N, C-alpha and C. Protein backbone atom coordinates (compact mmCIF):
# COMPACT_ATOMS: atom_id res chain seq x y z
N UNK A 1 50.85 -34.22 48.67
CA UNK A 1 49.66 -35.03 48.47
C UNK A 1 49.89 -36.41 49.07
N UNK A 2 48.90 -36.89 49.63
CA UNK A 2 49.00 -38.23 50.18
C UNK A 2 48.59 -39.25 49.15
N UNK A 3 48.95 -40.45 49.38
CA UNK A 3 48.64 -41.50 48.42
C UNK A 3 47.21 -41.99 48.55
N UNK A 4 46.51 -41.57 49.58
CA UNK A 4 45.14 -42.03 49.80
C UNK A 4 44.11 -41.28 48.96
N UNK A 5 44.36 -40.02 48.66
CA UNK A 5 43.38 -39.23 47.90
C UNK A 5 43.80 -39.15 46.43
N UNK A 6 42.90 -39.56 45.54
CA UNK A 6 43.25 -39.45 44.11
C UNK A 6 43.17 -38.00 43.66
N UNK A 7 43.99 -37.62 42.71
CA UNK A 7 43.94 -36.23 42.24
C UNK A 7 42.63 -35.95 41.50
N UNK A 8 42.06 -34.80 41.73
CA UNK A 8 40.81 -34.44 41.06
C UNK A 8 41.12 -33.95 39.64
N UNK A 9 40.23 -34.24 38.70
CA UNK A 9 40.48 -33.79 37.33
C UNK A 9 40.37 -32.26 37.24
N UNK A 10 41.14 -31.67 36.38
CA UNK A 10 41.08 -30.21 36.28
C UNK A 10 39.73 -29.76 35.72
N UNK A 11 39.21 -28.67 36.26
CA UNK A 11 37.94 -28.11 35.76
C UNK A 11 38.25 -27.06 34.71
N UNK A 12 37.53 -27.12 33.59
CA UNK A 12 37.74 -26.17 32.51
C UNK A 12 36.93 -24.90 32.70
N UNK A 13 35.87 -24.97 33.44
CA UNK A 13 35.04 -23.79 33.67
C UNK A 13 34.58 -23.77 35.11
N UNK A 14 34.09 -22.60 35.49
CA UNK A 14 33.56 -22.47 36.84
C UNK A 14 32.20 -23.12 36.91
N UNK A 15 31.90 -23.63 38.02
CA UNK A 15 30.58 -24.24 38.20
C UNK A 15 29.58 -23.13 38.51
N UNK A 16 28.48 -23.12 37.79
CA UNK A 16 27.46 -22.08 37.96
C UNK A 16 26.36 -22.57 38.89
N UNK A 17 25.71 -21.60 39.47
CA UNK A 17 24.55 -21.92 40.29
C UNK A 17 23.39 -22.29 39.38
N UNK A 18 22.49 -23.11 39.81
CA UNK A 18 21.35 -23.47 38.96
C UNK A 18 20.51 -22.24 38.60
N UNK A 19 19.95 -22.26 37.40
CA UNK A 19 19.16 -21.14 36.91
C UNK A 19 17.73 -21.29 37.42
N UNK A 20 17.20 -20.23 37.98
CA UNK A 20 15.84 -20.28 38.50
C UNK A 20 14.84 -20.06 37.38
N UNK A 21 13.60 -20.37 37.66
CA UNK A 21 12.53 -20.20 36.67
C UNK A 21 12.38 -18.73 36.29
N UNK A 22 12.49 -17.85 37.26
CA UNK A 22 12.37 -16.42 37.00
C UNK A 22 13.48 -15.95 36.05
N UNK A 23 14.70 -16.43 36.24
CA UNK A 23 15.80 -16.06 35.36
C UNK A 23 15.58 -16.57 33.94
N UNK A 24 15.05 -17.77 33.82
CA UNK A 24 14.75 -18.31 32.48
C UNK A 24 13.70 -17.48 31.76
N UNK A 25 12.67 -17.09 32.47
CA UNK A 25 11.61 -16.27 31.86
C UNK A 25 12.16 -14.92 31.43
N UNK A 26 12.95 -14.30 32.29
CA UNK A 26 13.53 -12.98 31.96
C UNK A 26 14.44 -13.10 30.74
N UNK A 27 15.25 -14.14 30.67
CA UNK A 27 16.14 -14.33 29.51
C UNK A 27 15.34 -14.50 28.23
N UNK A 28 14.29 -15.27 28.30
CA UNK A 28 13.49 -15.51 27.09
C UNK A 28 12.77 -14.24 26.63
N UNK A 29 12.25 -13.48 27.57
CA UNK A 29 11.57 -12.23 27.23
C UNK A 29 12.56 -11.24 26.64
N UNK A 30 13.75 -11.15 27.24
CA UNK A 30 14.77 -10.24 26.71
C UNK A 30 15.25 -10.67 25.32
N UNK A 31 15.15 -11.92 24.98
CA UNK A 31 15.51 -12.39 23.65
C UNK A 31 14.35 -12.21 22.67
N UNK A 32 13.14 -12.36 23.17
CA UNK A 32 11.96 -12.30 22.31
C UNK A 32 11.66 -10.87 21.83
N UNK A 33 11.85 -9.88 22.67
CA UNK A 33 11.51 -8.50 22.31
C UNK A 33 12.34 -7.99 21.14
N UNK A 34 13.67 -8.12 21.14
CA UNK A 34 14.43 -7.65 19.96
C UNK A 34 14.13 -8.46 18.70
N UNK A 35 13.88 -9.76 18.86
CA UNK A 35 13.57 -10.57 17.69
C UNK A 35 12.23 -10.17 17.08
N UNK A 36 11.24 -9.90 17.90
CA UNK A 36 9.94 -9.46 17.40
C UNK A 36 10.06 -8.10 16.72
N UNK A 37 10.84 -7.19 17.31
CA UNK A 37 11.05 -5.88 16.70
C UNK A 37 11.75 -6.03 15.35
N UNK A 38 12.69 -6.93 15.25
CA UNK A 38 13.40 -7.16 13.98
C UNK A 38 12.47 -7.72 12.91
N UNK A 39 11.61 -8.65 13.29
CA UNK A 39 10.65 -9.21 12.34
C UNK A 39 9.68 -8.13 11.84
N UNK A 40 9.21 -7.29 12.73
CA UNK A 40 8.30 -6.20 12.34
C UNK A 40 9.02 -5.23 11.42
N UNK A 41 10.25 -4.89 11.73
CA UNK A 41 11.03 -3.97 10.89
C UNK A 41 11.26 -4.56 9.50
N UNK A 42 11.63 -5.81 9.42
CA UNK A 42 11.87 -6.46 8.14
C UNK A 42 10.58 -6.52 7.32
N UNK A 43 9.46 -6.78 7.98
CA UNK A 43 8.18 -6.81 7.28
C UNK A 43 7.77 -5.45 6.76
N UNK A 44 7.98 -4.42 7.56
CA UNK A 44 7.62 -3.05 7.14
C UNK A 44 8.50 -2.55 6.01
N UNK A 45 9.76 -2.92 6.01
CA UNK A 45 10.69 -2.47 4.98
C UNK A 45 10.45 -3.18 3.65
N UNK A 46 9.70 -4.28 3.68
CA UNK A 46 9.41 -5.01 2.45
C UNK A 46 10.49 -5.99 2.05
N UNK A 47 11.42 -6.25 2.93
CA UNK A 47 12.51 -7.17 2.60
C UNK A 47 12.00 -8.60 2.45
N UNK A 48 10.97 -8.96 3.20
CA UNK A 48 10.42 -10.31 3.08
C UNK A 48 9.77 -10.50 1.71
N UNK A 49 9.05 -9.48 1.24
CA UNK A 49 8.43 -9.56 -0.08
C UNK A 49 9.48 -9.70 -1.18
N UNK A 50 10.54 -8.92 -1.07
CA UNK A 50 11.59 -8.98 -2.07
C UNK A 50 12.30 -10.33 -2.04
N UNK A 51 12.56 -10.86 -0.87
CA UNK A 51 13.22 -12.16 -0.76
C UNK A 51 12.33 -13.27 -1.32
N UNK A 52 11.05 -13.22 -1.00
CA UNK A 52 10.13 -14.22 -1.54
C UNK A 52 10.03 -14.12 -3.05
N UNK A 53 10.05 -12.89 -3.58
CA UNK A 53 9.99 -12.70 -5.02
C UNK A 53 11.23 -13.28 -5.69
N UNK A 54 12.39 -13.05 -5.11
CA UNK A 54 13.63 -13.58 -5.68
C UNK A 54 13.65 -15.11 -5.66
N UNK A 55 13.06 -15.70 -4.62
CA UNK A 55 13.05 -17.16 -4.52
C UNK A 55 12.03 -17.81 -5.44
N UNK A 56 10.90 -17.16 -5.67
CA UNK A 56 9.81 -17.81 -6.41
C UNK A 56 9.74 -17.43 -7.88
N UNK A 57 10.25 -16.26 -8.27
CA UNK A 57 10.13 -15.84 -9.66
C UNK A 57 11.28 -16.44 -10.47
N UNK A 58 10.95 -17.22 -11.50
CA UNK A 58 11.96 -17.89 -12.31
C UNK A 58 11.76 -17.55 -13.79
N UNK A 59 12.55 -18.17 -14.63
CA UNK A 59 12.47 -17.92 -16.07
C UNK A 59 11.11 -18.33 -16.65
N UNK A 60 10.53 -19.37 -16.13
CA UNK A 60 9.23 -19.82 -16.63
C UNK A 60 8.08 -18.95 -16.13
N UNK A 61 8.32 -18.16 -15.08
CA UNK A 61 7.27 -17.30 -14.53
C UNK A 61 6.90 -16.18 -15.50
N UNK A 62 7.74 -15.88 -16.47
CA UNK A 62 7.43 -14.82 -17.44
C UNK A 62 6.20 -15.18 -18.28
N UNK A 63 5.85 -16.45 -18.35
CA UNK A 63 4.70 -16.89 -19.15
C UNK A 63 3.48 -17.18 -18.30
N UNK A 64 3.56 -16.96 -17.01
CA UNK A 64 2.44 -17.14 -16.09
C UNK A 64 1.97 -15.76 -15.64
N UNK A 65 0.75 -15.39 -16.03
CA UNK A 65 0.25 -14.05 -15.73
C UNK A 65 0.19 -13.76 -14.24
N UNK A 66 -0.22 -14.72 -13.44
CA UNK A 66 -0.33 -14.49 -11.99
C UNK A 66 1.05 -14.23 -11.38
N UNK A 67 2.03 -15.05 -11.73
CA UNK A 67 3.38 -14.86 -11.20
C UNK A 67 3.98 -13.54 -11.69
N UNK A 68 3.70 -13.20 -12.94
CA UNK A 68 4.22 -11.95 -13.51
C UNK A 68 3.63 -10.74 -12.80
N UNK A 69 2.33 -10.76 -12.54
CA UNK A 69 1.68 -9.65 -11.85
C UNK A 69 2.23 -9.51 -10.43
N UNK A 70 2.39 -10.61 -9.71
CA UNK A 70 2.92 -10.54 -8.35
C UNK A 70 4.37 -10.04 -8.34
N UNK A 71 5.15 -10.44 -9.32
CA UNK A 71 6.53 -9.96 -9.43
C UNK A 71 6.56 -8.45 -9.65
N UNK A 72 5.77 -7.96 -10.59
CA UNK A 72 5.78 -6.53 -10.86
C UNK A 72 5.07 -5.72 -9.77
N UNK A 73 4.16 -6.33 -9.05
CA UNK A 73 3.56 -5.66 -7.90
C UNK A 73 4.63 -5.36 -6.86
N UNK A 74 5.52 -6.31 -6.63
CA UNK A 74 6.62 -6.11 -5.68
C UNK A 74 7.61 -5.08 -6.21
N UNK A 75 7.96 -5.17 -7.47
CA UNK A 75 8.94 -4.24 -8.05
C UNK A 75 8.41 -2.82 -8.05
N UNK A 76 7.17 -2.64 -8.47
CA UNK A 76 6.58 -1.29 -8.59
C UNK A 76 6.48 -0.61 -7.23
N UNK A 77 6.12 -1.35 -6.20
CA UNK A 77 5.96 -0.73 -4.88
C UNK A 77 7.29 -0.50 -4.18
N UNK A 78 8.33 -1.26 -4.53
CA UNK A 78 9.60 -1.13 -3.82
C UNK A 78 10.61 -0.25 -4.53
N UNK A 79 10.39 0.08 -5.78
CA UNK A 79 11.38 0.96 -6.44
C UNK A 79 10.87 2.39 -6.59
N UNK A 80 9.78 2.72 -5.91
CA UNK A 80 9.32 4.10 -5.85
C UNK A 80 8.46 4.56 -7.01
N UNK A 81 7.94 3.65 -7.80
CA UNK A 81 7.09 4.05 -8.92
C UNK A 81 5.72 4.50 -8.45
N UNK A 82 5.31 4.07 -7.27
CA UNK A 82 4.04 4.50 -6.70
C UNK A 82 4.16 4.47 -5.18
N UNK A 83 3.41 5.35 -4.55
CA UNK A 83 3.39 5.39 -3.08
C UNK A 83 2.24 4.55 -2.53
N UNK A 84 1.43 3.99 -3.41
CA UNK A 84 0.30 3.18 -2.97
C UNK A 84 0.77 1.85 -2.42
N UNK A 85 -0.05 1.26 -1.56
CA UNK A 85 0.24 -0.06 -1.03
C UNK A 85 0.04 -1.12 -2.11
N UNK A 86 0.62 -2.29 -1.89
CA UNK A 86 0.49 -3.37 -2.87
C UNK A 86 -0.97 -3.75 -3.12
N UNK A 87 -1.77 -3.72 -2.06
CA UNK A 87 -3.16 -4.12 -2.17
C UNK A 87 -4.02 -3.07 -2.87
N UNK A 88 -3.50 -1.86 -3.03
CA UNK A 88 -4.26 -0.78 -3.66
C UNK A 88 -3.94 -0.63 -5.14
N UNK A 89 -3.25 -1.59 -5.72
CA UNK A 89 -2.93 -1.55 -7.15
C UNK A 89 -3.70 -2.64 -7.87
N UNK A 90 -4.18 -2.30 -9.05
CA UNK A 90 -4.90 -3.25 -9.89
C UNK A 90 -4.11 -3.40 -11.18
N UNK A 91 -3.75 -4.63 -11.52
CA UNK A 91 -3.00 -4.92 -12.73
C UNK A 91 -3.95 -5.57 -13.73
N UNK A 92 -4.08 -4.95 -14.90
CA UNK A 92 -4.96 -5.47 -15.94
C UNK A 92 -4.09 -5.95 -17.09
N UNK A 93 -4.10 -7.26 -17.34
CA UNK A 93 -3.29 -7.86 -18.39
C UNK A 93 -4.13 -7.95 -19.66
N UNK A 94 -3.60 -7.41 -20.78
CA UNK A 94 -4.27 -7.52 -22.05
C UNK A 94 -3.92 -8.88 -22.65
N UNK A 95 -4.89 -9.78 -22.65
CA UNK A 95 -4.65 -11.15 -23.11
C UNK A 95 -4.55 -11.31 -24.61
N UNK A 96 -4.91 -10.28 -25.39
CA UNK A 96 -4.87 -10.39 -26.84
C UNK A 96 -3.52 -9.97 -27.43
N UNK A 97 -2.62 -9.47 -26.62
CA UNK A 97 -1.31 -9.02 -27.12
C UNK A 97 -0.41 -10.20 -27.43
N UNK A 98 0.53 -10.02 -28.35
CA UNK A 98 1.50 -11.09 -28.62
C UNK A 98 2.48 -11.23 -27.45
N UNK A 99 3.21 -12.35 -27.43
CA UNK A 99 4.12 -12.65 -26.31
C UNK A 99 5.28 -11.67 -26.23
N UNK A 100 5.63 -11.03 -27.34
CA UNK A 100 6.76 -10.11 -27.31
C UNK A 100 6.34 -8.67 -27.02
N UNK A 101 5.05 -8.42 -26.80
CA UNK A 101 4.59 -7.07 -26.49
C UNK A 101 3.32 -7.08 -25.64
N UNK A 102 3.32 -7.83 -24.58
CA UNK A 102 2.16 -7.88 -23.68
C UNK A 102 2.09 -6.59 -22.88
N UNK A 103 0.89 -6.02 -22.79
CA UNK A 103 0.69 -4.80 -22.02
C UNK A 103 -0.03 -5.11 -20.72
N UNK A 104 0.46 -4.49 -19.66
CA UNK A 104 -0.18 -4.58 -18.35
C UNK A 104 -0.43 -3.16 -17.88
N UNK A 105 -1.69 -2.83 -17.67
CA UNK A 105 -2.03 -1.50 -17.16
C UNK A 105 -2.07 -1.56 -15.63
N UNK A 106 -1.40 -0.60 -15.00
CA UNK A 106 -1.36 -0.53 -13.54
C UNK A 106 -2.28 0.61 -13.13
N UNK A 107 -3.33 0.25 -12.39
CA UNK A 107 -4.34 1.22 -11.97
C UNK A 107 -4.39 1.31 -10.46
N UNK A 108 -4.88 2.45 -9.99
CA UNK A 108 -5.02 2.70 -8.56
C UNK A 108 -6.42 2.30 -8.13
N UNK A 109 -6.50 1.35 -7.20
CA UNK A 109 -7.78 0.84 -6.73
C UNK A 109 -8.26 1.68 -5.56
N UNK A 110 -9.56 1.98 -5.52
CA UNK A 110 -10.14 2.76 -4.43
C UNK A 110 -11.29 1.98 -3.81
N UNK A 111 -10.97 1.01 -2.99
CA UNK A 111 -12.00 0.24 -2.29
C UNK A 111 -11.37 -0.38 -1.06
N UNK A 112 -12.20 -0.74 -0.10
CA UNK A 112 -11.69 -1.34 1.13
C UNK A 112 -10.81 -0.37 1.91
N UNK A 113 -9.56 -0.73 2.12
CA UNK A 113 -8.62 0.11 2.88
C UNK A 113 -7.96 1.17 2.00
N UNK A 114 -8.20 1.14 0.71
CA UNK A 114 -7.54 2.06 -0.21
C UNK A 114 -8.33 3.37 -0.28
N UNK A 115 -7.68 4.50 0.02
CA UNK A 115 -8.40 5.78 0.01
C UNK A 115 -8.68 6.27 -1.40
N UNK A 116 -9.64 7.16 -1.51
CA UNK A 116 -9.96 7.78 -2.80
C UNK A 116 -11.42 7.60 -3.16
N UNK A 117 -11.81 8.26 -4.26
CA UNK A 117 -13.18 8.20 -4.76
C UNK A 117 -13.45 6.80 -5.31
N UNK A 118 -14.47 6.14 -4.78
CA UNK A 118 -14.78 4.76 -5.20
C UNK A 118 -15.25 4.67 -6.64
N UNK A 119 -15.65 5.77 -7.25
CA UNK A 119 -16.16 5.74 -8.62
C UNK A 119 -15.06 5.91 -9.66
N UNK A 120 -13.82 6.06 -9.23
CA UNK A 120 -12.73 6.25 -10.18
C UNK A 120 -11.73 5.10 -10.09
N UNK A 121 -11.04 4.87 -11.18
CA UNK A 121 -10.00 3.86 -11.28
C UNK A 121 -8.89 4.44 -12.16
N UNK A 122 -8.10 5.37 -11.60
CA UNK A 122 -7.13 6.07 -12.44
C UNK A 122 -5.98 5.17 -12.89
N UNK A 123 -5.56 5.36 -14.13
CA UNK A 123 -4.43 4.65 -14.71
C UNK A 123 -3.14 5.33 -14.25
N UNK A 124 -2.26 4.59 -13.61
CA UNK A 124 -0.99 5.14 -13.16
C UNK A 124 0.06 5.10 -14.28
N UNK A 125 0.22 3.92 -14.87
CA UNK A 125 1.17 3.74 -15.98
C UNK A 125 0.92 2.39 -16.62
N UNK A 126 1.61 2.13 -17.70
CA UNK A 126 1.49 0.87 -18.42
C UNK A 126 2.85 0.19 -18.47
N UNK A 127 2.84 -1.11 -18.34
CA UNK A 127 4.05 -1.91 -18.49
C UNK A 127 3.95 -2.66 -19.81
N UNK A 128 5.00 -2.67 -20.58
CA UNK A 128 5.05 -3.47 -21.81
C UNK A 128 6.08 -4.57 -21.57
N UNK A 129 5.62 -5.80 -21.62
CA UNK A 129 6.43 -6.95 -21.26
C UNK A 129 6.78 -7.74 -22.52
N UNK A 130 8.05 -8.01 -22.69
CA UNK A 130 8.52 -8.91 -23.73
C UNK A 130 8.85 -10.23 -23.04
N UNK A 131 7.92 -11.17 -23.12
CA UNK A 131 8.08 -12.44 -22.40
C UNK A 131 9.21 -13.28 -22.98
N UNK A 132 9.42 -13.20 -24.29
CA UNK A 132 10.46 -14.01 -24.93
C UNK A 132 11.86 -13.57 -24.52
N UNK A 133 12.11 -12.26 -24.51
CA UNK A 133 13.42 -11.73 -24.13
C UNK A 133 13.51 -11.41 -22.63
N UNK A 134 12.41 -11.57 -21.92
CA UNK A 134 12.32 -11.31 -20.48
C UNK A 134 12.76 -9.90 -20.13
N UNK A 135 12.09 -8.94 -20.77
CA UNK A 135 12.37 -7.53 -20.53
C UNK A 135 11.06 -6.81 -20.26
N UNK A 136 11.14 -5.73 -19.51
CA UNK A 136 9.96 -4.93 -19.20
C UNK A 136 10.27 -3.46 -19.43
N UNK A 137 9.32 -2.77 -20.05
CA UNK A 137 9.41 -1.33 -20.28
C UNK A 137 8.19 -0.68 -19.64
N UNK A 138 8.30 0.58 -19.30
CA UNK A 138 7.19 1.29 -18.67
C UNK A 138 7.08 2.70 -19.25
N UNK A 139 5.88 3.25 -19.19
CA UNK A 139 5.69 4.65 -19.57
C UNK A 139 5.45 5.52 -18.33
N UNK A 140 5.99 5.09 -17.19
CA UNK A 140 5.88 5.83 -15.94
C UNK A 140 6.57 7.18 -16.10
N UNK A 141 5.89 8.25 -15.76
CA UNK A 141 6.33 9.64 -15.84
C UNK A 141 6.53 10.14 -17.27
N UNK A 142 6.18 9.33 -18.27
CA UNK A 142 6.23 9.77 -19.66
C UNK A 142 5.21 8.98 -20.46
N UNK A 143 3.92 9.35 -20.34
CA UNK A 143 2.86 8.58 -21.00
C UNK A 143 3.09 8.44 -22.50
N UNK A 144 3.02 7.19 -22.98
CA UNK A 144 3.18 6.91 -24.39
C UNK A 144 4.61 6.63 -24.81
N UNK A 145 5.58 7.04 -24.02
CA UNK A 145 6.99 6.79 -24.34
C UNK A 145 7.54 5.74 -23.35
N UNK A 146 7.90 4.60 -23.86
CA UNK A 146 8.33 3.49 -23.01
C UNK A 146 9.85 3.51 -22.82
N UNK A 147 10.26 3.22 -21.61
CA UNK A 147 11.67 3.15 -21.23
C UNK A 147 11.84 2.03 -20.20
N UNK A 148 13.08 1.56 -19.95
CA UNK A 148 13.29 0.49 -18.98
C UNK A 148 12.82 0.89 -17.58
N UNK A 149 12.46 -0.11 -16.80
CA UNK A 149 12.04 0.14 -15.43
C UNK A 149 13.18 0.75 -14.62
N UNK A 150 12.84 1.66 -13.70
CA UNK A 150 13.92 2.24 -12.85
C UNK A 150 14.44 1.22 -11.83
């Protein structure tokens, strides 16, 4: 080496050619397609509903009828108690029951996108909620005999 030229600093990586607009678009599309498919899959599997339920349902929600109905709507549709969609279920809360034995009737709705005879509203099962102890029992598959939720 001569004394006239200063040593060049070592390069840690190879120098890349500039990225063209076409390459940027292709990269973004290739990233967007799997992400969109993943979002659709997660939505169809109901994982978003379950995650939202876990985040929003708290100890005080047991005394709020709206929160309680939405919580059990998610549970009932995701644990196989009914094959109906969430929007095709009607929850009727008996407001005259005491806090330790509130009854919620789960009925099958037949209107809009829900198939079936519009003149019927069949009872699927009943939930018995103990708000004080935060427990739920159901008579699913055994009318009149209550047991813990599956």
